[in-house]
Amino acid sequence: MAAQTGDAHELESQLTPCNTVTDDQHVHSLHCYFLRPGNANKHILYHVDRTRDGNTYTSRAIKATQDSVPIFTMQASFKIDEVDPLQHQFKMPEVPPPESLIDEVSEFRKMMMSSWLDDKIHVEKRPVDPEVYHYNRPGEPRRLVWVKAIGLIGDNQKMHQCVAGFISDIALLGATRQPAPTDYKIGFMASLDHSIWFHTSFRADEWMLYDIQSPQCGGGKALVLGRIWRRDGVLAISGCTRRRYQIFKFQFITHT
């Protein structure tokens, strides 16, 4: 399990195999397993196995090691674009536009130093229901949040996919926490696995709607599903993850 560098694993492990495929091949699925905690202060070595090179589909196996010990593995499948007359998708939820919602970064600036935010915050989030999103009141295990990368990424679709893989890991476990009473806090969480499917092209530096649901949790594990929609209503990404967590009841200690 990678509590420290899990997001970095997904971003860097996507970038690495992209250099081994042709320009017209883009990743369509990723399956990640977080084996051990990583140390952000040490180098990570990525091994890429060219499992298969096909005319349409190409497969790569990636293993990340630190101090010669495996900490992360990923299977990635790439394909060329195809035209298919048979198409369908779920309908995008109807929610207020991001411009009408609270800028979470601005809210954080009221509580934290701007220098910390400038260094750490790379994704802008605007939750549809901030009260439930920030655990001010309980709600169902579902959250809708507008997301986008801060800054311009360029026109390289592979880079947009890599950044979206990073974004897809944000805010997932929080949906599991939402039904709990407000005095229950998450004491620990870590990724066990994470799968992502890319359906069509998109821009990660433009607003996308992230629909996150947790259909089950218990026994220290939570299953979370996610769908990311382009603003024009096209379903761009689907994903699921299993997380390990610990939740405890926060208690105030009074002295007499």
C-alpha atoms as a PDB file:
ATOM      1  CA  MET A   1       0.000   0.000   0.000  1.00  0.00           C
ATOM      2  CA  ALA A   2       1.314   3.419  -0.889  1.00  0.00           C
ATOM      3  CA  ALA A   3       0.104   6.136   1.391  1.00  0.00           C
ATOM      4  CA  GLN A   4       2.986   8.493   0.687  1.00  0.00           C
ATOM      5  CA  THR A   5       3.643   8.435  -3.046  1.00  0.00           C
ATOM      6  CA  GLY A   6       0.645   6.637  -4.557  1.00  0.00           C
ATOM      7  CA  ASP A   7      -0.482   9.550  -6.751  1.00  0.00           C
ATOM      8  CA  ALA A   8       3.073  10.043  -8.009  1.00  0.00           C
ATOM      9  CA  HIS A   9       3.311   6.333  -8.884  1.00  0.00           C
ATOM     10  CA  GLU A  10       0.289   6.569 -11.184  1.00  0.00           C
ATOM     11  CA  LEU A  11       1.464   9.761 -12.882  1.00  0.00           C
ATOM     12  CA  GLU A  12       5.069   8.682 -13.435  1.00  0.00           C
ATOM     13  CA  SER A  13       4.183   5.090 -14.326  1.00  0.00           C
ATOM     14  CA  GLN A  14       1.853   6.373 -17.050  1.00  0.00           C
ATOM     15  CA  LEU A  15       4.504   8.671 -18.490  1.00  0.00           C
ATOM     16  CA  THR A  16       7.175   5.962 -18.622  1.00  0.00           C
ATOM     17  CA  PRO A  17       5.482   3.463 -21.010  1.00  0.00           C
ATOM     18  CA  CYS A  18       4.190   6.304 -23.215  1.00  0.00           C
ATOM     19  CA  ASN A  19       7.748   6.637 -24.499  1.00  0.00           C
ATOM     20  CA  THR A  20       7.648   3.019 -25.754  1.00  0.00           C
ATOM     21  CA  VAL A  21       4.565   3.267 -28.023  1.00  0.00           C
ATOM     22  CA  THR A  22       3.816   5.090 -31.279  1.00  0.00           C
ATOM     23  CA  ASP A  23       2.283   8.575 -31.391  1.00  0.00           C
ATOM     24  CA  ASP A  24      -1.099   7.245 -32.570  1.00  0.00           C
ATOM     25  CA  GLN A  25      -1.435   4.799 -29.664  1.00  0.00           C
ATOM     26  CA  HIS A  26      -3.061   6.098 -26.495  1.00  0.00           C
ATOM     27  CA  VAL A  27      -3.677   4.353 -23.210  1.00  0.00           C
ATOM     28  CA  HIS A  28      -7.215   3.009 -22.853  1.00  0.00           C
ATOM     29  CA  SER A  29      -6.883   1.077 -19.567  1.00  0.00           C
ATOM     30  CA  LEU A  30      -4.647   0.984 -16.499  1.00  0.00           C
ATOM     31  CA  HIS A  31      -4.654  -1.526 -13.632  1.00  0.00           C
ATOM     32  CA  CYS A  32      -2.493  -0.509 -10.670  1.00  0.00           C
ATOM     33  CA  TYR A  33      -1.493  -2.342  -7.496  1.00  0.00           C
ATOM     34  CA  PHE A  34       0.131  -0.556  -4.574  1.00  0.00           C
ATOM     35  CA  LEU A  35       2.369  -3.068  -2.819  1.00  0.00           C
ATOM     36  CA  ARG A  36       4.381  -1.154  -0.238  1.00  0.00           C
ATOM     37  CA  PRO A  37       4.702   2.439   1.008  1.00  0.00           C
ATOM     38  CA  GLY A  38       7.102   4.546  -1.001  1.00  0.00           C
ATOM     39  CA  ASN A  39       9.636   7.055   0.278  1.00  0.00           C
ATOM     40  CA  ALA A  40       9.222  10.420  -1.439  1.00  0.00           C
ATOM     41  CA  ASN A  41      12.829  11.310  -0.588  1.00  0.00           C
ATOM     42  CA  LYS A  42      14.301   8.377  -2.519  1.00  0.00           C
ATOM     43  CA  HIS A  43      14.560   7.655  -6.234  1.00  0.00           C
ATOM     44  CA  ILE A  44      12.087   5.245  -7.830  1.00  0.00           C
ATOM     45  CA  LEU A  45      13.217   2.975 -10.674  1.00  0.00           C
ATOM     46  CA  TYR A  46      10.563   2.052 -13.258  1.00  0.00           C
ATOM     47  CA  HIS A  47      10.923  -1.179 -15.250  1.00  0.00           C
ATOM     48  CA  VAL A  48       8.865  -1.439 -18.456  1.00  0.00           C
ATOM     49  CA  ASP A  49       8.195  -4.848 -20.030  1.00  0.00           C
ATOM     50  CA  ARG A  50       7.115  -4.679 -23.692  1.00  0.00           C
ATOM     51  CA  THR A  51       4.541  -7.427 -23.246  1.00  0.00           C
ATOM     52  CA  ARG A  52       2.914  -7.145 -26.679  1.00  0.00           C
ATOM     53  CA  ASP A  53       3.088  -4.913 -29.755  1.00  0.00           C
ATOM     54  CA  GLY A  54       0.001  -5.329 -31.929  1.00  0.00           C
ATOM     55  CA  ASN A  55      -1.478  -3.515 -34.907  1.00  0.00           C
ATOM     56  CA  THR A  56      -4.322  -2.104 -32.790  1.00  0.00           C
ATOM     57  CA  TYR A  57      -3.531  -2.943 -29.158  1.00  0.00           C
ATOM     58  CA  THR A  58      -0.204  -2.717 -27.336  1.00  0.00           C
ATOM     59  CA  SER A  59       0.453  -3.932 -23.778  1.00  0.00           C
ATOM     60  CA  ARG A  60       3.039  -2.870 -21.234  1.00  0.00           C
ATOM     61  CA  ALA A  61       3.831  -4.122 -17.729  1.00  0.00           C
ATOM     62  CA  ILE A  62       5.394  -1.607 -15.357  1.00  0.00           C
ATOM     63  CA  LYS A  63       7.087  -2.288 -12.022  1.00  0.00           C
ATOM     64  CA  ALA A  64       8.348   0.418  -9.678  1.00  0.00           C
ATOM     65  CA  THR A  65      11.134  -0.470  -7.267  1.00  0.00           C
ATOM     66  CA  GLN A  66      12.828   1.424  -4.478  1.00  0.00           C
ATOM     67  CA  ASP A  67      16.041   0.073  -2.964  1.00  0.00           C
ATOM     68  CA  SER A  68      15.517  -2.976  -5.262  1.00  0.00           C
ATOM     69  CA  VAL A  69      12.164  -3.737  -3.579  1.00  0.00           C
ATOM     70  CA  PRO A  70       8.909  -3.682  -5.644  1.00  0.00           C
ATOM     71  CA  ILE A  71       6.478  -1.068  -4.338  1.00  0.00           C
ATOM     72  CA  PHE A  72       4.050  -0.692  -7.270  1.00  0.00           C
ATOM     73  CA  THR A  73       2.972  -2.586 -10.407  1.00  0.00           C
ATOM     74  CA  MET A  74       0.762  -1.568 -13.313  1.00  0.00           C
ATOM     75  CA  GLN A  75      -0.629  -3.141 -16.472  1.00  0.00           C
ATOM     76  CA  ALA A  76      -1.245  -0.621 -19.257  1.00  0.00           C
ATOM     77  CA  SER A  77      -3.003  -1.215 -22.572  1.00  0.00           C
ATOM     78  CA  PHE A  78      -2.704   1.192 -25.513  1.00  0.00           C
ATOM     79  CA  LYS A  79      -4.695   1.302 -28.758  1.00  0.00           C
ATOM     80  CA  ILE A  80      -5.149   3.340 -31.904  1.00  0.00           C
ATOM     81  CA  ASP A  81      -8.376   5.293 -32.464  1.00  0.00           C
ATOM     82  CA  GLU A  82     -11.175   3.470 -34.294  1.00  0.00           C
ATOM     83  CA  VAL A  83     -14.551   4.529 -35.704  1.00  0.00           C
ATOM     84  CA  ASP A  84     -17.442   2.437 -34.407  1.00  0.00           C
ATOM     85  CA  PRO A  85     -21.088   2.963 -35.521  1.00  0.00           C
ATOM     86  CA  LEU A  86     -22.319   1.354 -32.279  1.00  0.00           C
ATOM     87  CA  GLN A  87     -22.054   3.845 -29.420  1.00  0.00           C
ATOM     88  CA  HIS A  88     -23.860   4.579 -26.159  1.00  0.00           C
ATOM     89  CA  GLN A  89     -23.115   6.052 -22.739  1.00  0.00           C
ATOM     90  CA  PHE A  90     -24.807   7.023 -19.464  1.00  0.00           C
ATOM     91  CA  LYS A  91     -26.230  10.531 -19.218  1.00  0.00           C
ATOM     92  CA  MET A  92     -24.169  13.120 -17.375  1.00  0.00           C
ATOM     93  CA  PRO A  93     -25.760  14.253 -14.069  1.00  0.00           C
ATOM     94  CA  GLU A  94     -27.383  17.668 -14.119  1.00  0.00           C
ATOM     95  CA  VAL A  95     -25.494  19.960 -11.747  1.00  0.00           C
ATOM     96  CA  PRO A  96     -24.731  23.682 -11.456  1.00  0.00           C
ATOM     97  CA  PRO A  97     -21.829  24.922 -13.602  1.00  0.00           C
ATOM     98  CA  PRO A  98     -18.413  25.279 -11.926  1.00  0.00           C
ATOM     99  CA  GLU A  99     -18.472  29.078 -12.196  1.00  0.00           C
ATOM    100  CA  SER A 100     -21.393  29.182  -9.733  1.00  0.00           C
ATOM    101  CA  LEU A 101     -19.661  27.033  -7.114  1.00  0.00           C
ATOM    102  CA  ILE A 102     -17.102  27.714  -4.386  1.00  0.00           C
ATOM    103  CA  ASP A 103     -13.443  27.677  -5.400  1.00  0.00           C
ATOM    104  CA  GLU A 104     -11.901  25.222  -2.930  1.00  0.00           C
ATOM    105  CA  VAL A 105      -8.426  26.733  -3.292  1.00  0.00           C
ATOM    106  CA  SER A 106      -9.793  30.131  -2.255  1.00  0.00           C
ATOM    107  CA  GLU A 107     -11.417  28.511   0.768  1.00  0.00           C
ATOM    108  CA  PHE A 108      -8.152  26.844   1.753  1.00  0.00           C
ATOM    109  CA  ARG A 109      -6.316  30.166   1.451  1.00  0.00           C
ATOM    110  CA  LYS A 110      -8.397  31.423   4.365  1.00  0.00           C
ATOM    111  CA  MET A 111      -6.924  28.681   6.559  1.00  0.00           C
ATOM    112  CA  MET A 112      -3.455  27.995   5.142  1.00  0.00           C
ATOM    113  CA  MET A 113      -0.420  29.886   3.909  1.00  0.00           C
ATOM    114  CA  SER A 114      -0.476  30.802   0.223  1.00  0.00           C
ATOM    115  CA  SER A 115       3.093  29.565  -0.214  1.00  0.00           C
ATOM    116  CA  TRP A 116       2.028  26.070   0.888  1.00  0.00           C
ATOM    117  CA  LEU A 117      -0.871  26.084  -1.573  1.00  0.00           C
ATOM    118  CA  ASP A 118       1.249  27.324  -4.469  1.00  0.00           C
ATOM    119  CA  ASP A 119       3.639  24.422  -3.863  1.00  0.00           C
ATOM    120  CA  LYS A 120       1.121  21.641  -3.172  1.00  0.00           C
ATOM    121  CA  ILE A 121      -2.164  22.360  -4.953  1.00  0.00           C
ATOM    122  CA  HIS A 122      -2.091  21.488  -8.668  1.00  0.00           C
ATOM    123  CA  VAL A 123      -5.777  20.589  -9.201  1.00  0.00           C
ATOM    124  CA  GLU A 124      -8.756  22.886  -8.755  1.00  0.00           C
ATOM    125  CA  LYS A 125     -11.904  21.325  -7.262  1.00  0.00           C
ATOM    126  CA  ARG A 126     -15.392  22.774  -6.937  1.00  0.00           C
ATOM    127  CA  PRO A 127     -17.769  20.406  -5.104  1.00  0.00           C
ATOM    128  CA  VAL A 128     -21.479  20.581  -5.929  1.00  0.00           C
ATOM    129  CA  ASP A 129     -22.403  20.130  -2.237  1.00  0.00           C
ATOM    130  CA  PRO A 130     -19.571  21.678  -0.172  1.00  0.00           C
ATOM    131  CA  GLU A 131     -21.288  21.002   3.171  1.00  0.00           C
ATOM    132  CA  VAL A 132     -21.284  17.233   2.650  1.00  0.00           C
ATOM    133  CA  TYR A 133     -17.976  17.266   0.767  1.00  0.00           C
ATOM    134  CA  HIS A 134     -16.212  18.869   3.741  1.00  0.00           C
ATOM    135  CA  TYR A 135     -18.062  16.644   6.268  1.00  0.00           C
ATOM    136  CA  ASN A 136     -19.981  19.481   7.888  1.00  0.00           C
ATOM    137  CA  ARG A 137     -23.047  17.248   7.719  1.00  0.00           C
ATOM    138  CA  PRO A 138     -23.554  13.556   6.794  1.00  0.00           C
ATOM    139  CA  GLY A 139     -24.699  12.587   3.313  1.00  0.00           C
ATOM    140  CA  GLU A 140     -24.992   9.637   0.973  1.00  0.00           C
ATOM    141  CA  PRO A 141     -21.721   7.982  -0.203  1.00  0.00           C
ATOM    142  CA  ARG A 142     -21.692   9.951  -3.434  1.00  0.00           C
ATOM    143  CA  ARG A 143     -20.022  13.214  -4.368  1.00  0.00           C
ATOM    144  CA  LEU A 144     -20.079  15.340  -7.493  1.00  0.00           C
ATOM    145  CA  VAL A 145     -17.165  17.706  -7.987  1.00  0.00           C
ATOM    146  CA  TRP A 146     -15.878  19.768 -10.897  1.00  0.00           C
ATOM    147  CA  VAL A 147     -12.136  19.238 -11.407  1.00  0.00           C
ATOM    148  CA  LYS A 148      -9.362  20.517 -13.664  1.00  0.00           C
ATOM    149  CA  ALA A 149      -5.603  20.871 -13.644  1.00  0.00           C
ATOM    150  CA  ILE A 150      -4.275  24.317 -12.806  1.00  0.00           C
ATOM    151  CA  GLY A 151      -2.359  25.777 -15.743  1.00  0.00           C
ATOM    152  CA  LEU A 152      -2.165  24.860 -19.431  1.00  0.00           C
ATOM    153  CA  ILE A 153      -0.938  21.374 -20.380  1.00  0.00           C
ATOM    154  CA  GLY A 154      -0.637  21.721 -24.147  1.00  0.00           C
ATOM    155  CA  ASP A 155      -2.090  19.552 -26.902  1.00  0.00           C
ATOM    156  CA  ASN A 156      -0.372  16.226 -26.175  1.00  0.00           C
ATOM    157  CA  GLN A 157      -3.239  13.813 -25.429  1.00  0.00           C
ATOM    158  CA  LYS A 158      -0.902  11.392 -23.666  1.00  0.00           C
ATOM    159  CA  MET A 159      -0.006  14.120 -21.169  1.00  0.00           C
ATOM    160  CA  HIS A 160      -3.691  14.914 -20.604  1.00  0.00           C
ATOM    161  CA  GLN A 161      -4.311  11.222 -19.880  1.00  0.00           C
ATOM    162  CA  CYS A 162      -1.426  11.109 -17.407  1.00  0.00           C
ATOM    163  CA  VAL A 163      -2.690  14.177 -15.561  1.00  0.00           C
ATOM    164  CA  ALA A 164      -6.247  12.813 -15.558  1.00  0.00           C
ATOM    165  CA  GLY A 165      -4.946   9.595 -14.023  1.00  0.00           C
ATOM    166  CA  PHE A 166      -3.522  11.716 -11.209  1.00  0.00           C
ATOM    167  CA  ILE A 167      -6.798  13.674 -10.883  1.00  0.00           C
ATOM    168  CA  SER A 168      -8.854  10.460 -10.790  1.00  0.00           C
ATOM    169  CA  ASP A 169      -7.267   9.536  -7.447  1.00  0.00           C
ATOM    170  CA  ILE A 170      -8.407  12.764  -5.805  1.00  0.00           C
ATOM    171  CA  ALA A 171     -11.423  12.869  -3.490  1.00  0.00           C
ATOM    172  CA  LEU A 172     -12.242   9.166  -3.946  1.00  0.00           C
ATOM    173  CA  LEU A 173     -12.108   7.933  -0.370  1.00  0.00           C
ATOM    174  CA  GLY A 174     -14.033  10.934   0.918  1.00  0.00           C
ATOM    175  CA  ALA A 175     -17.249   9.515  -0.543  1.00  0.00           C
ATOM    176  CA  THR A 176     -16.874   6.562   1.829  1.00  0.00           C
ATOM    177  CA  ARG A 177     -16.577   8.895   4.820  1.00  0.00           C
ATOM    178  CA  GLN A 178     -19.658  11.014   4.003  1.00  0.00           C
ATOM    179  CA  PRO A 179     -22.420   8.847   5.599  1.00  0.00           C
ATOM    180  CA  ALA A 180     -20.570   8.760   8.946  1.00  0.00           C
ATOM    181  CA  PRO A 181     -21.439  11.215  11.749  1.00  0.00           C
ATOM    182  CA  THR A 182     -19.436  14.423  11.636  1.00  0.00           C
ATOM    183  CA  ASP A 183     -17.439  13.461  14.756  1.00  0.00           C
ATOM    184  CA  TYR A 184     -15.886  10.464  12.947  1.00  0.00           C
ATOM    185  CA  LYS A 185     -12.538  11.151  11.283  1.00  0.00           C
ATOM    186  CA  ILE A 186     -10.312   9.262   8.847  1.00  0.00           C
ATOM    187  CA  GLY A 187      -7.162   8.301  10.730  1.00  0.00           C
ATOM    188  CA  PHE A 188      -5.449   6.393   7.922  1.00  0.00           C
ATOM    189  CA  MET A 189      -6.064   5.589   4.270  1.00  0.00           C
ATOM    190  CA  ALA A 190      -4.070   3.912   1.513  1.00  0.00           C
ATOM    191  CA  SER A 191      -4.688   2.598  -1.988  1.00  0.00           C
ATOM    192  CA  LEU A 192      -4.783  -1.160  -2.520  1.00  0.00           C
ATOM    193  CA  ASP A 193      -5.512  -1.043  -6.251  1.00  0.00           C
ATOM    194  CA  HIS A 194      -6.829   1.380  -8.867  1.00  0.00           C
ATOM    195  CA  SER A 195      -8.162   0.765 -12.385  1.00  0.00           C
ATOM    196  CA  ILE A 196      -8.895   3.420 -15.012  1.00  0.00           C
ATOM    197  CA  TRP A 197     -10.533   3.211 -18.437  1.00  0.00           C
ATOM    198  CA  PHE A 198     -10.167   6.052 -20.951  1.00  0.00           C
ATOM    199  CA  HIS A 199     -13.064   6.275 -23.413  1.00  0.00           C
ATOM    200  CA  THR A 200     -12.366   9.318 -25.583  1.00  0.00           C
ATOM    201  CA  SER A 201     -10.178  12.401 -25.922  1.00  0.00           C
ATOM    202  CA  PHE A 202     -10.429  15.268 -23.421  1.00  0.00           C
ATOM    203  CA  ARG A 203      -8.481  18.132 -21.885  1.00  0.00           C
ATOM    204  CA  ALA A 204      -7.474  17.758 -18.242  1.00  0.00           C
ATOM    205  CA  ASP A 205      -6.913  21.529 -17.998  1.00  0.00           C
ATOM    206  CA  GLU A 206     -10.596  22.214 -18.706  1.00  0.00           C
ATOM    207  CA  TRP A 207     -13.506  21.649 -16.323  1.00  0.00           C
ATOM    208  CA  MET A 208     -14.724  18.056 -16.046  1.00  0.00           C
ATOM    209  CA  LEU A 209     -17.400  16.658 -13.734  1.00  0.00           C
ATOM    210  CA  TYR A 210     -16.255  13.872 -11.413  1.00  0.00           C
ATOM    211  CA  ASP A 211     -19.086  11.601 -10.190  1.00  0.00           C
ATOM    212  CA  ILE A 212     -17.812   9.483  -7.276  1.00  0.00           C
ATOM    213  CA  GLN A 213     -19.799   6.721  -5.538  1.00  0.00           C
ATOM    214  CA  SER A 214     -18.949   4.185  -2.852  1.00  0.00           C
ATOM    215  CA  PRO A 215     -21.350   1.213  -3.135  1.00  0.00           C
ATOM    216  CA  GLN A 216     -19.767  -0.695  -0.232  1.00  0.00           C
ATOM    217  CA  CYS A 217     -17.377  -0.297   2.669  1.00  0.00           C
ATOM    218  CA  GLY A 218     -16.616  -2.371   5.745  1.00  0.00           C
ATOM    219  CA  GLY A 219     -13.921  -4.425   7.385  1.00  0.00           C
ATOM    220  CA  GLY A 220     -11.341  -1.700   6.844  1.00  0.00           C
ATOM    221  CA  LYS A 221     -11.807  -1.686   3.036  1.00  0.00           C
ATOM    222  CA  ALA A 222     -13.899   0.528   0.774  1.00  0.00           C
ATOM    223  CA  LEU A 223     -14.882   0.156  -2.882  1.00  0.00           C
ATOM    224  CA  VAL A 224     -15.185   3.427  -4.784  1.00  0.00           C
ATOM    225  CA  LEU A 225     -16.361   3.967  -8.377  1.00  0.00           C
ATOM    226  CA  GLY A 226     -15.850   7.087 -10.450  1.00  0.00           C
ATOM    227  CA  ARG A 227     -16.899   8.601 -13.760  1.00  0.00           C
ATOM    228  CA  ILE A 228     -15.392  11.746 -15.264  1.00  0.00           C
ATOM    229  CA  TRP A 229     -17.452  13.681 -17.802  1.00  0.00           C
ATOM    230  CA  ARG A 230     -16.355  16.342 -20.230  1.00  0.00           C
ATOM    231  CA  ARG A 231     -18.292  19.548 -19.840  1.00  0.00           C
ATOM    232  CA  ASP A 232     -20.172  18.853 -23.078  1.00  0.00           C
ATOM    233  CA  GLY A 233     -21.668  15.697 -21.501  1.00  0.00           C
ATOM    234  CA  VAL A 234     -19.336  13.113 -23.052  1.00  0.00           C
ATOM    235  CA  LEU A 235     -18.198  10.353 -20.674  1.00  0.00           C
ATOM    236  CA  ALA A 236     -14.404  10.501 -20.891  1.00  0.00           C
ATOM    237  CA  ILE A 237     -13.096   8.270 -18.063  1.00  0.00           C
ATOM    238  CA  SER A 238     -14.337   5.513 -15.752  1.00  0.00           C
ATOM    239  CA  GLY A 239     -12.486   4.103 -12.777  1.00  0.00           C
ATOM    240  CA  CYS A 240     -12.669   2.074  -9.597  1.00  0.00           C
ATOM    241  CA  THR A 241     -10.456   1.623  -6.585  1.00  0.00           C
ATOM    242  CA  ARG A 242     -10.251  -0.371  -3.379  1.00  0.00           C
ATOM    243  CA  ARG A 243      -8.946   1.545  -0.393  1.00  0.00           C
ATOM    244  CA  ARG A 244      -7.822   0.554   3.064  1.00  0.00           C
ATOM    245  CA  TYR A 245      -8.927   2.936   5.783  1.00  0.00           C
ATOM    246  CA  GLN A 246      -9.271   3.479   9.508  1.00  0.00           C
ATOM    247  CA  ILE A 247     -12.020   5.689  10.898  1.00  0.00           C
ATOM    248  CA  PHE A 248     -12.229   6.734  14.527  1.00  0.00           C
ATOM    249  CA  LYS A 249     -14.586   8.826  16.619  1.00  0.00           C
ATOM    250  CA  PHE A 250     -13.084  12.157  17.565  1.00  0.00           C
ATOM    251  CA  GLN A 251     -13.498  12.917  21.250  1.00  0.00           C
ATOM    252  CA  PHE A 252     -12.797  16.139  23.100  1.00  0.00           C
ATOM    253  CA  ILE A 253     -10.929  15.732  26.396  1.00  0.00           C
ATOM    254  CA  THR A 254     -11.915  18.181  29.092  1.00  0.00           C
ATOM    255  CA  HIS A 255      -9.827  18.892  32.180  1.00  0.00           C
ATOM    256  CA  THR A 256     -11.394  19.734  35.496  1.00  0.00           C
END
